[in-house]
Amino acid sequence: MPARLLQQLLIFAVLSCWSVWQHVDCLHEGQLGFRNVDQSMTAGKEVPKQQQQQQQQQKEEEEQQQREEEEEQQRLQQEQQEEEEEQQRLQQQQQQEEEEQRRLQQQQQE
């Protein structure tokens, strides 16, 4: 009886090892040799890859958006600086005109 049990265990062990080896070999080759392969075993490898690609894409989109926001900020700062320079130029021009008016009035009074 123990010899029969030992024989059955040995056959079971050999078949199990062969089945696992076939399964791993097929996964390694990227082929599914068995119809009843547990999809979660292969899905576990694909999900991190897909997740990694999504994270990379999201990171690139965030970096692109940040660059665009920085460029917009620089453009707005430049516009503001140009407006301030124009304002200063206009004030200077107005001061010159006022000085010219005073000079003319002073000349008329003399």
N, C-alpha and C. Protein backbone atom coordinates (compact mmCIF):
# COMPACT_ATOMS: atom_id res chain seq x y z
N MET A 1 0.83 -1.21 0.00
CA MET A 1 0.00 0.00 0.00
C MET A 1 0.86 1.26 0.00
N PRO A 2 1.87 1.36 0.87
CA PRO A 2 2.70 2.56 0.82
C PRO A 2 3.42 2.70 -0.53
N ALA A 3 3.80 1.59 -1.15
CA ALA A 3 4.48 1.67 -2.45
C ALA A 3 3.52 2.24 -3.50
N ARG A 4 2.28 1.86 -3.46
CA ARG A 4 1.28 2.37 -4.41
C ARG A 4 1.07 3.86 -4.18
N LEU A 5 0.96 4.27 -2.93
CA LEU A 5 0.79 5.69 -2.59
C LEU A 5 2.01 6.49 -3.04
N LEU A 6 3.19 5.94 -2.80
CA LEU A 6 4.43 6.60 -3.21
C LEU A 6 4.48 6.73 -4.73
N GLN A 7 4.06 5.72 -5.44
CA GLN A 7 4.04 5.76 -6.91
C GLN A 7 3.08 6.86 -7.40
N GLN A 8 1.90 6.96 -6.78
CA GLN A 8 0.93 7.98 -7.18
C GLN A 8 1.46 9.38 -6.88
N LEU A 9 2.10 9.56 -5.72
CA LEU A 9 2.69 10.86 -5.37
C LEU A 9 3.79 11.24 -6.35
N LEU A 10 4.61 10.26 -6.71
CA LEU A 10 5.70 10.53 -7.65
C LEU A 10 5.14 10.93 -9.02
N ILE A 11 4.13 10.21 -9.50
CA ILE A 11 3.51 10.56 -10.78
C ILE A 11 2.89 11.96 -10.71
N PHE A 12 2.20 12.24 -9.62
CA PHE A 12 1.58 13.56 -9.44
C PHE A 12 2.65 14.66 -9.44
N ALA A 13 3.74 14.42 -8.72
CA ALA A 13 4.82 15.41 -8.64
C ALA A 13 5.45 15.65 -10.01
N VAL A 14 5.71 14.59 -10.75
CA VAL A 14 6.31 14.73 -12.08
C VAL A 14 5.39 15.49 -13.02
N LEU A 15 4.11 15.11 -13.01
CA LEU A 15 3.16 15.80 -13.88
C LEU A 15 3.00 17.27 -13.47
N SER A 16 2.99 17.54 -12.18
CA SER A 16 2.87 18.93 -11.72
C SER A 16 4.08 19.75 -12.14
N CYS A 17 5.27 19.19 -11.94
CA CYS A 17 6.48 19.91 -12.34
C CYS A 17 6.49 20.16 -13.85
N TRP A 18 6.12 19.13 -14.63
CA TRP A 18 6.10 19.27 -16.08
C TRP A 18 5.10 20.35 -16.50
N SER A 19 3.93 20.36 -15.85
CA SER A 19 2.89 21.33 -16.17
C SER A 19 3.37 22.75 -15.86
N VAL A 20 3.99 22.92 -14.69
CA VAL A 20 4.50 24.24 -14.31
C VAL A 20 5.60 24.67 -15.28
N TRP A 21 6.50 23.73 -15.62
CA TRP A 21 7.58 24.06 -16.53
C TRP A 21 7.04 24.49 -17.89
N GLN A 22 6.04 23.77 -18.40
CA GLN A 22 5.41 24.13 -19.67
C GLN A 22 4.78 25.51 -19.58
N HIS A 23 4.10 25.75 -18.48
CA HIS A 23 3.41 27.03 -18.28
C HIS A 23 4.41 28.18 -18.27
N VAL A 24 5.48 28.02 -17.50
CA VAL A 24 6.51 29.05 -17.41
C VAL A 24 7.19 29.24 -18.76
N ASP A 25 7.47 28.16 -19.45
CA ASP A 25 8.11 28.24 -20.75
C ASP A 25 7.23 29.00 -21.74
N CYS A 26 5.94 28.70 -21.71
CA CYS A 26 5.01 29.40 -22.61
C CYS A 26 4.92 30.87 -22.26
N LEU A 27 4.89 31.18 -20.98
CA LEU A 27 4.85 32.60 -20.58
C LEU A 27 6.12 33.30 -21.01
N HIS A 28 7.24 32.60 -20.85
CA HIS A 28 8.53 33.18 -21.23
C HIS A 28 8.57 33.46 -22.73
N GLU A 29 8.00 32.59 -23.52
CA GLU A 29 7.97 32.77 -24.96
C GLU A 29 6.86 33.74 -25.39
N GLY A 30 6.02 34.15 -24.45
CA GLY A 30 4.93 35.05 -24.77
C GLY A 30 3.75 34.35 -25.39
N GLN A 31 3.69 33.04 -25.26
CA GLN A 31 2.58 32.28 -25.82
C GLN A 31 1.85 31.59 -24.68
N LEU A 32 0.57 31.43 -24.84
CA LEU A 32 -0.21 30.71 -23.84
C LEU A 32 -0.53 29.33 -24.40
N GLY A 33 0.13 28.33 -23.84
CA GLY A 33 -0.04 26.98 -24.36
C GLY A 33 -1.26 26.28 -23.81
N PHE A 34 -1.81 26.77 -22.72
CA PHE A 34 -2.96 26.12 -22.10
C PHE A 34 -4.15 27.06 -22.15
N ARG A 35 -5.30 26.50 -22.39
CA ARG A 35 -6.50 27.33 -22.46
C ARG A 35 -6.94 27.80 -21.08
N ASN A 36 -6.62 27.03 -20.08
CA ASN A 36 -7.09 27.37 -18.73
C ASN A 36 -6.02 28.10 -17.92
N VAL A 37 -5.13 28.79 -18.63
CA VAL A 37 -4.10 29.55 -17.91
C VAL A 37 -4.76 30.66 -17.12
N ASP A 38 -4.33 30.81 -15.92
CA ASP A 38 -4.87 31.87 -15.07
C ASP A 38 -4.40 33.21 -15.63
N GLN A 39 -5.34 34.00 -16.09
CA GLN A 39 -5.00 35.28 -16.74
C GLN A 39 -4.35 36.25 -15.77
N SER A 40 -4.62 36.09 -14.49
CA SER A 40 -4.04 37.03 -13.52
C SER A 40 -2.53 36.89 -13.47
N MET A 41 -2.00 35.71 -13.83
CA MET A 41 -0.54 35.54 -13.80
C MET A 41 0.12 36.39 -14.87
N THR A 42 -0.49 36.46 -16.04
CA THR A 42 0.09 37.29 -17.10
C THR A 42 -0.34 38.74 -16.95
N ALA A 43 -1.54 38.94 -16.44
CA ALA A 43 -2.03 40.31 -16.27
C ALA A 43 -1.18 41.06 -15.26
N GLY A 44 -0.66 40.36 -14.29
CA GLY A 44 0.17 41.00 -13.28
C GLY A 44 1.40 41.64 -13.87
N LYS A 45 1.88 41.09 -14.99
CA LYS A 45 3.06 41.66 -15.63
C LYS A 45 2.69 42.82 -16.54
N GLU A 46 1.51 42.74 -17.13
CA GLU A 46 1.10 43.78 -18.08
C GLU A 46 0.62 45.04 -17.37
N VAL A 47 -0.06 44.87 -16.26
CA VAL A 47 -0.63 46.03 -15.57
C VAL A 47 0.44 47.02 -15.13
N PRO A 48 1.52 46.55 -14.47
CA PRO A 48 2.55 47.52 -14.09
C PRO A 48 3.15 48.22 -15.30
N LYS A 49 3.32 47.48 -16.41
CA LYS A 49 3.88 48.10 -17.61
C LYS A 49 2.94 49.17 -18.14
N GLN A 50 1.65 48.83 -18.22
CA GLN A 50 0.65 49.79 -18.69
C GLN A 50 0.56 50.95 -17.70
N GLN A 51 0.58 50.64 -16.43
CA GLN A 51 0.50 51.68 -15.40
C GLN A 51 1.72 52.58 -15.49
N GLN A 52 2.88 51.98 -15.72
CA GLN A 52 4.11 52.76 -15.85
C GLN A 52 4.03 53.69 -17.06
N GLN A 53 3.48 53.19 -18.17
CA GLN A 53 3.33 54.02 -19.37
C GLN A 53 2.37 55.17 -19.11
N GLN A 54 1.26 54.87 -18.39
CA GLN A 54 0.30 55.92 -18.08
C GLN A 54 0.93 56.97 -17.18
N GLN A 55 1.70 56.52 -16.18
CA GLN A 55 2.35 57.47 -15.28
C GLN A 55 3.36 58.31 -16.04
N GLN A 56 4.11 57.70 -16.95
CA GLN A 56 5.08 58.44 -17.75
C GLN A 56 4.38 59.47 -18.63
N GLN A 57 3.27 59.06 -19.25
CA GLN A 57 2.52 59.98 -20.10
C GLN A 57 1.95 61.12 -19.27
N GLN A 58 1.42 60.79 -18.10
CA GLN A 58 0.87 61.84 -17.23
C GLN A 58 1.97 62.79 -16.78
N LYS A 59 3.14 62.25 -16.46
CA LYS A 59 4.27 63.08 -16.05
C LYS A 59 4.68 64.02 -17.18
N GLU A 60 4.75 63.48 -18.41
CA GLU A 60 5.12 64.31 -19.55
C GLU A 60 4.09 65.40 -19.80
N GLU A 61 2.80 65.06 -19.65
CA GLU A 61 1.74 66.05 -19.84
C GLU A 61 1.84 67.14 -18.77
N GLU A 62 2.12 66.75 -17.53
CA GLU A 62 2.25 67.73 -16.46
C GLU A 62 3.45 68.64 -16.70
N GLU A 63 4.57 68.06 -17.16
CA GLU A 63 5.75 68.86 -17.46
C GLU A 63 5.46 69.83 -18.60
N GLN A 64 4.77 69.35 -19.63
CA GLN A 64 4.41 70.20 -20.77
C GLN A 64 3.51 71.35 -20.30
N GLN A 65 2.53 71.02 -19.47
CA GLN A 65 1.62 72.04 -18.97
C GLN A 65 2.38 73.06 -18.12
N GLN A 66 3.32 72.58 -17.31
CA GLN A 66 4.12 73.48 -16.48
C GLN A 66 4.97 74.40 -17.35
N ARG A 67 5.58 73.83 -18.41
CA ARG A 67 6.37 74.67 -19.33
C ARG A 67 5.51 75.73 -19.97
N GLU A 68 4.30 75.33 -20.41
CA GLU A 68 3.40 76.30 -21.05
C GLU A 68 2.99 77.39 -20.07
N GLU A 69 2.72 77.00 -18.82
CA GLU A 69 2.35 78.00 -17.81
C GLU A 69 3.51 78.95 -17.53
N GLU A 70 4.74 78.41 -17.47
CA GLU A 70 5.91 79.27 -17.25
C GLU A 70 6.11 80.23 -18.42
N GLU A 71 5.94 79.71 -19.64
CA GLU A 71 6.07 80.58 -20.82
C GLU A 71 5.01 81.67 -20.81
N GLU A 72 3.78 81.31 -20.45
CA GLU A 72 2.70 82.29 -20.37
C GLU A 72 3.01 83.33 -19.30
N GLN A 73 3.54 82.88 -18.16
CA GLN A 73 3.91 83.78 -17.07
C GLN A 73 5.00 84.74 -17.54
N GLN A 74 5.99 84.23 -18.25
CA GLN A 74 7.06 85.09 -18.77
C GLN A 74 6.51 86.09 -19.79
N ARG A 75 5.61 85.62 -20.63
CA ARG A 75 5.02 86.51 -21.64
C ARG A 75 4.25 87.63 -20.95
N LEU A 76 3.47 87.27 -19.91
CA LEU A 76 2.70 88.28 -19.19
C LEU A 76 3.62 89.27 -18.47
N GLN A 77 4.70 88.76 -17.89
CA GLN A 77 5.66 89.65 -17.23
C GLN A 77 6.31 90.61 -18.24
N GLN A 78 6.62 90.09 -19.39
CA GLN A 78 7.22 90.93 -20.42
C GLN A 78 6.23 91.99 -20.89
N GLU A 79 4.98 91.59 -21.08
CA GLU A 79 3.95 92.56 -21.47
C GLU A 79 3.81 93.65 -20.41
N GLN A 80 3.79 93.22 -19.16
CA GLN A 80 3.65 94.18 -18.06
C GLN A 80 4.84 95.13 -18.04
N GLN A 81 6.03 94.60 -18.25
CA GLN A 81 7.23 95.44 -18.26
C GLN A 81 7.17 96.43 -19.43
N GLU A 82 6.72 95.97 -20.59
CA GLU A 82 6.60 96.87 -21.74
C GLU A 82 5.57 97.96 -21.48
N GLU A 83 4.46 97.58 -20.83
CA GLU A 83 3.45 98.58 -20.50
C GLU A 83 3.99 99.61 -19.51
N GLU A 84 4.75 99.14 -18.53
CA GLU A 84 5.34 100.07 -17.56
C GLU A 84 6.33 101.01 -18.25
N GLU A 85 7.12 100.47 -19.16
CA GLU A 85 8.07 101.31 -19.90
C GLU A 85 7.33 102.34 -20.75
N GLU A 86 6.24 101.91 -21.38
CA GLU A 86 5.43 102.84 -22.18
C GLU A 86 4.82 103.92 -21.26
N GLN A 87 4.37 103.51 -20.10
CA GLN A 87 3.80 104.46 -19.14
C GLN A 87 4.86 105.48 -18.71
N GLN A 88 6.06 104.99 -18.43
CA GLN A 88 7.15 105.90 -18.05
C GLN A 88 7.48 106.86 -19.20
N ARG A 89 7.50 106.33 -20.40
CA ARG A 89 7.80 107.16 -21.56
C ARG A 89 6.75 108.26 -21.73
N LEU A 90 5.47 107.87 -21.55
CA LEU A 90 4.40 108.85 -21.66
C LEU A 90 4.48 109.90 -20.55
N GLN A 91 4.81 109.47 -19.35
CA GLN A 91 4.96 110.44 -18.25
C GLN A 91 6.12 111.40 -18.52
N GLN A 92 7.19 110.86 -19.04
CA GLN A 92 8.34 111.70 -19.36
C GLN A 92 7.98 112.70 -20.47
N GLN A 93 7.26 112.21 -21.44
CA GLN A 93 6.83 113.08 -22.53
C GLN A 93 5.91 114.17 -22.00
N GLN A 94 4.99 113.80 -21.11
CA GLN A 94 4.08 114.77 -20.52
C GLN A 94 4.85 115.81 -19.70
N GLN A 95 5.85 115.37 -18.95
CA GLN A 95 6.67 116.32 -18.17
C GLN A 95 7.40 117.29 -19.10
N GLN A 96 7.91 116.76 -20.20
CA GLN A 96 8.61 117.63 -21.14
C GLN A 96 7.66 118.66 -21.75
N GLU A 97 6.44 118.21 -22.05
CA GLU A 97 5.46 119.14 -22.60
C GLU A 97 5.08 120.20 -21.57
N GLU A 98 4.92 119.79 -20.32
CA GLU A 98 4.60 120.76 -19.26
C GLU A 98 5.73 121.76 -19.07
N GLU A 99 6.96 121.30 -19.11
CA GLU A 99 8.11 122.20 -18.99
C GLU A 99 8.17 123.17 -20.16
N GLU A 100 7.84 122.65 -21.34
CA GLU A 100 7.82 123.51 -22.53
C GLU A 100 6.72 124.57 -22.38
N GLN A 101 5.57 124.18 -21.87
CA GLN A 101 4.47 125.12 -21.62
C GLN A 101 4.91 126.20 -20.62
N ARG A 102 5.53 125.80 -19.54
CA ARG A 102 6.02 126.78 -18.54
C ARG A 102 7.03 127.74 -19.16
N ARG A 103 7.92 127.19 -19.94
CA ARG A 103 8.95 128.02 -20.57
C ARG A 103 8.30 129.04 -21.52
N LEU A 104 7.28 128.58 -22.28
CA LEU A 104 6.60 129.48 -23.18
C LEU A 104 5.85 130.57 -22.40
N GLN A 105 5.21 130.16 -21.32
CA GLN A 105 4.48 131.14 -20.49
C GLN A 105 5.46 132.14 -19.89
N GLN A 106 6.57 131.65 -19.47
CA GLN A 106 7.57 132.53 -18.87
C GLN A 106 8.10 133.52 -19.92
N GLN A 107 8.26 133.06 -21.13
CA GLN A 107 8.73 133.92 -22.20
C GLN A 107 7.68 134.99 -22.52
N GLN A 108 6.41 134.60 -22.48
CA GLN A 108 5.34 135.56 -22.77
C GLN A 108 5.26 136.61 -21.67
N GLN A 109 5.49 136.22 -20.46
CA GLN A 109 5.42 137.18 -19.35
C GLN A 109 6.56 138.18 -19.43
N GLU A 110 7.66 137.76 -19.93
CA GLU A 110 8.81 138.67 -20.05
C GLU A 110 8.59 139.57 -21.22
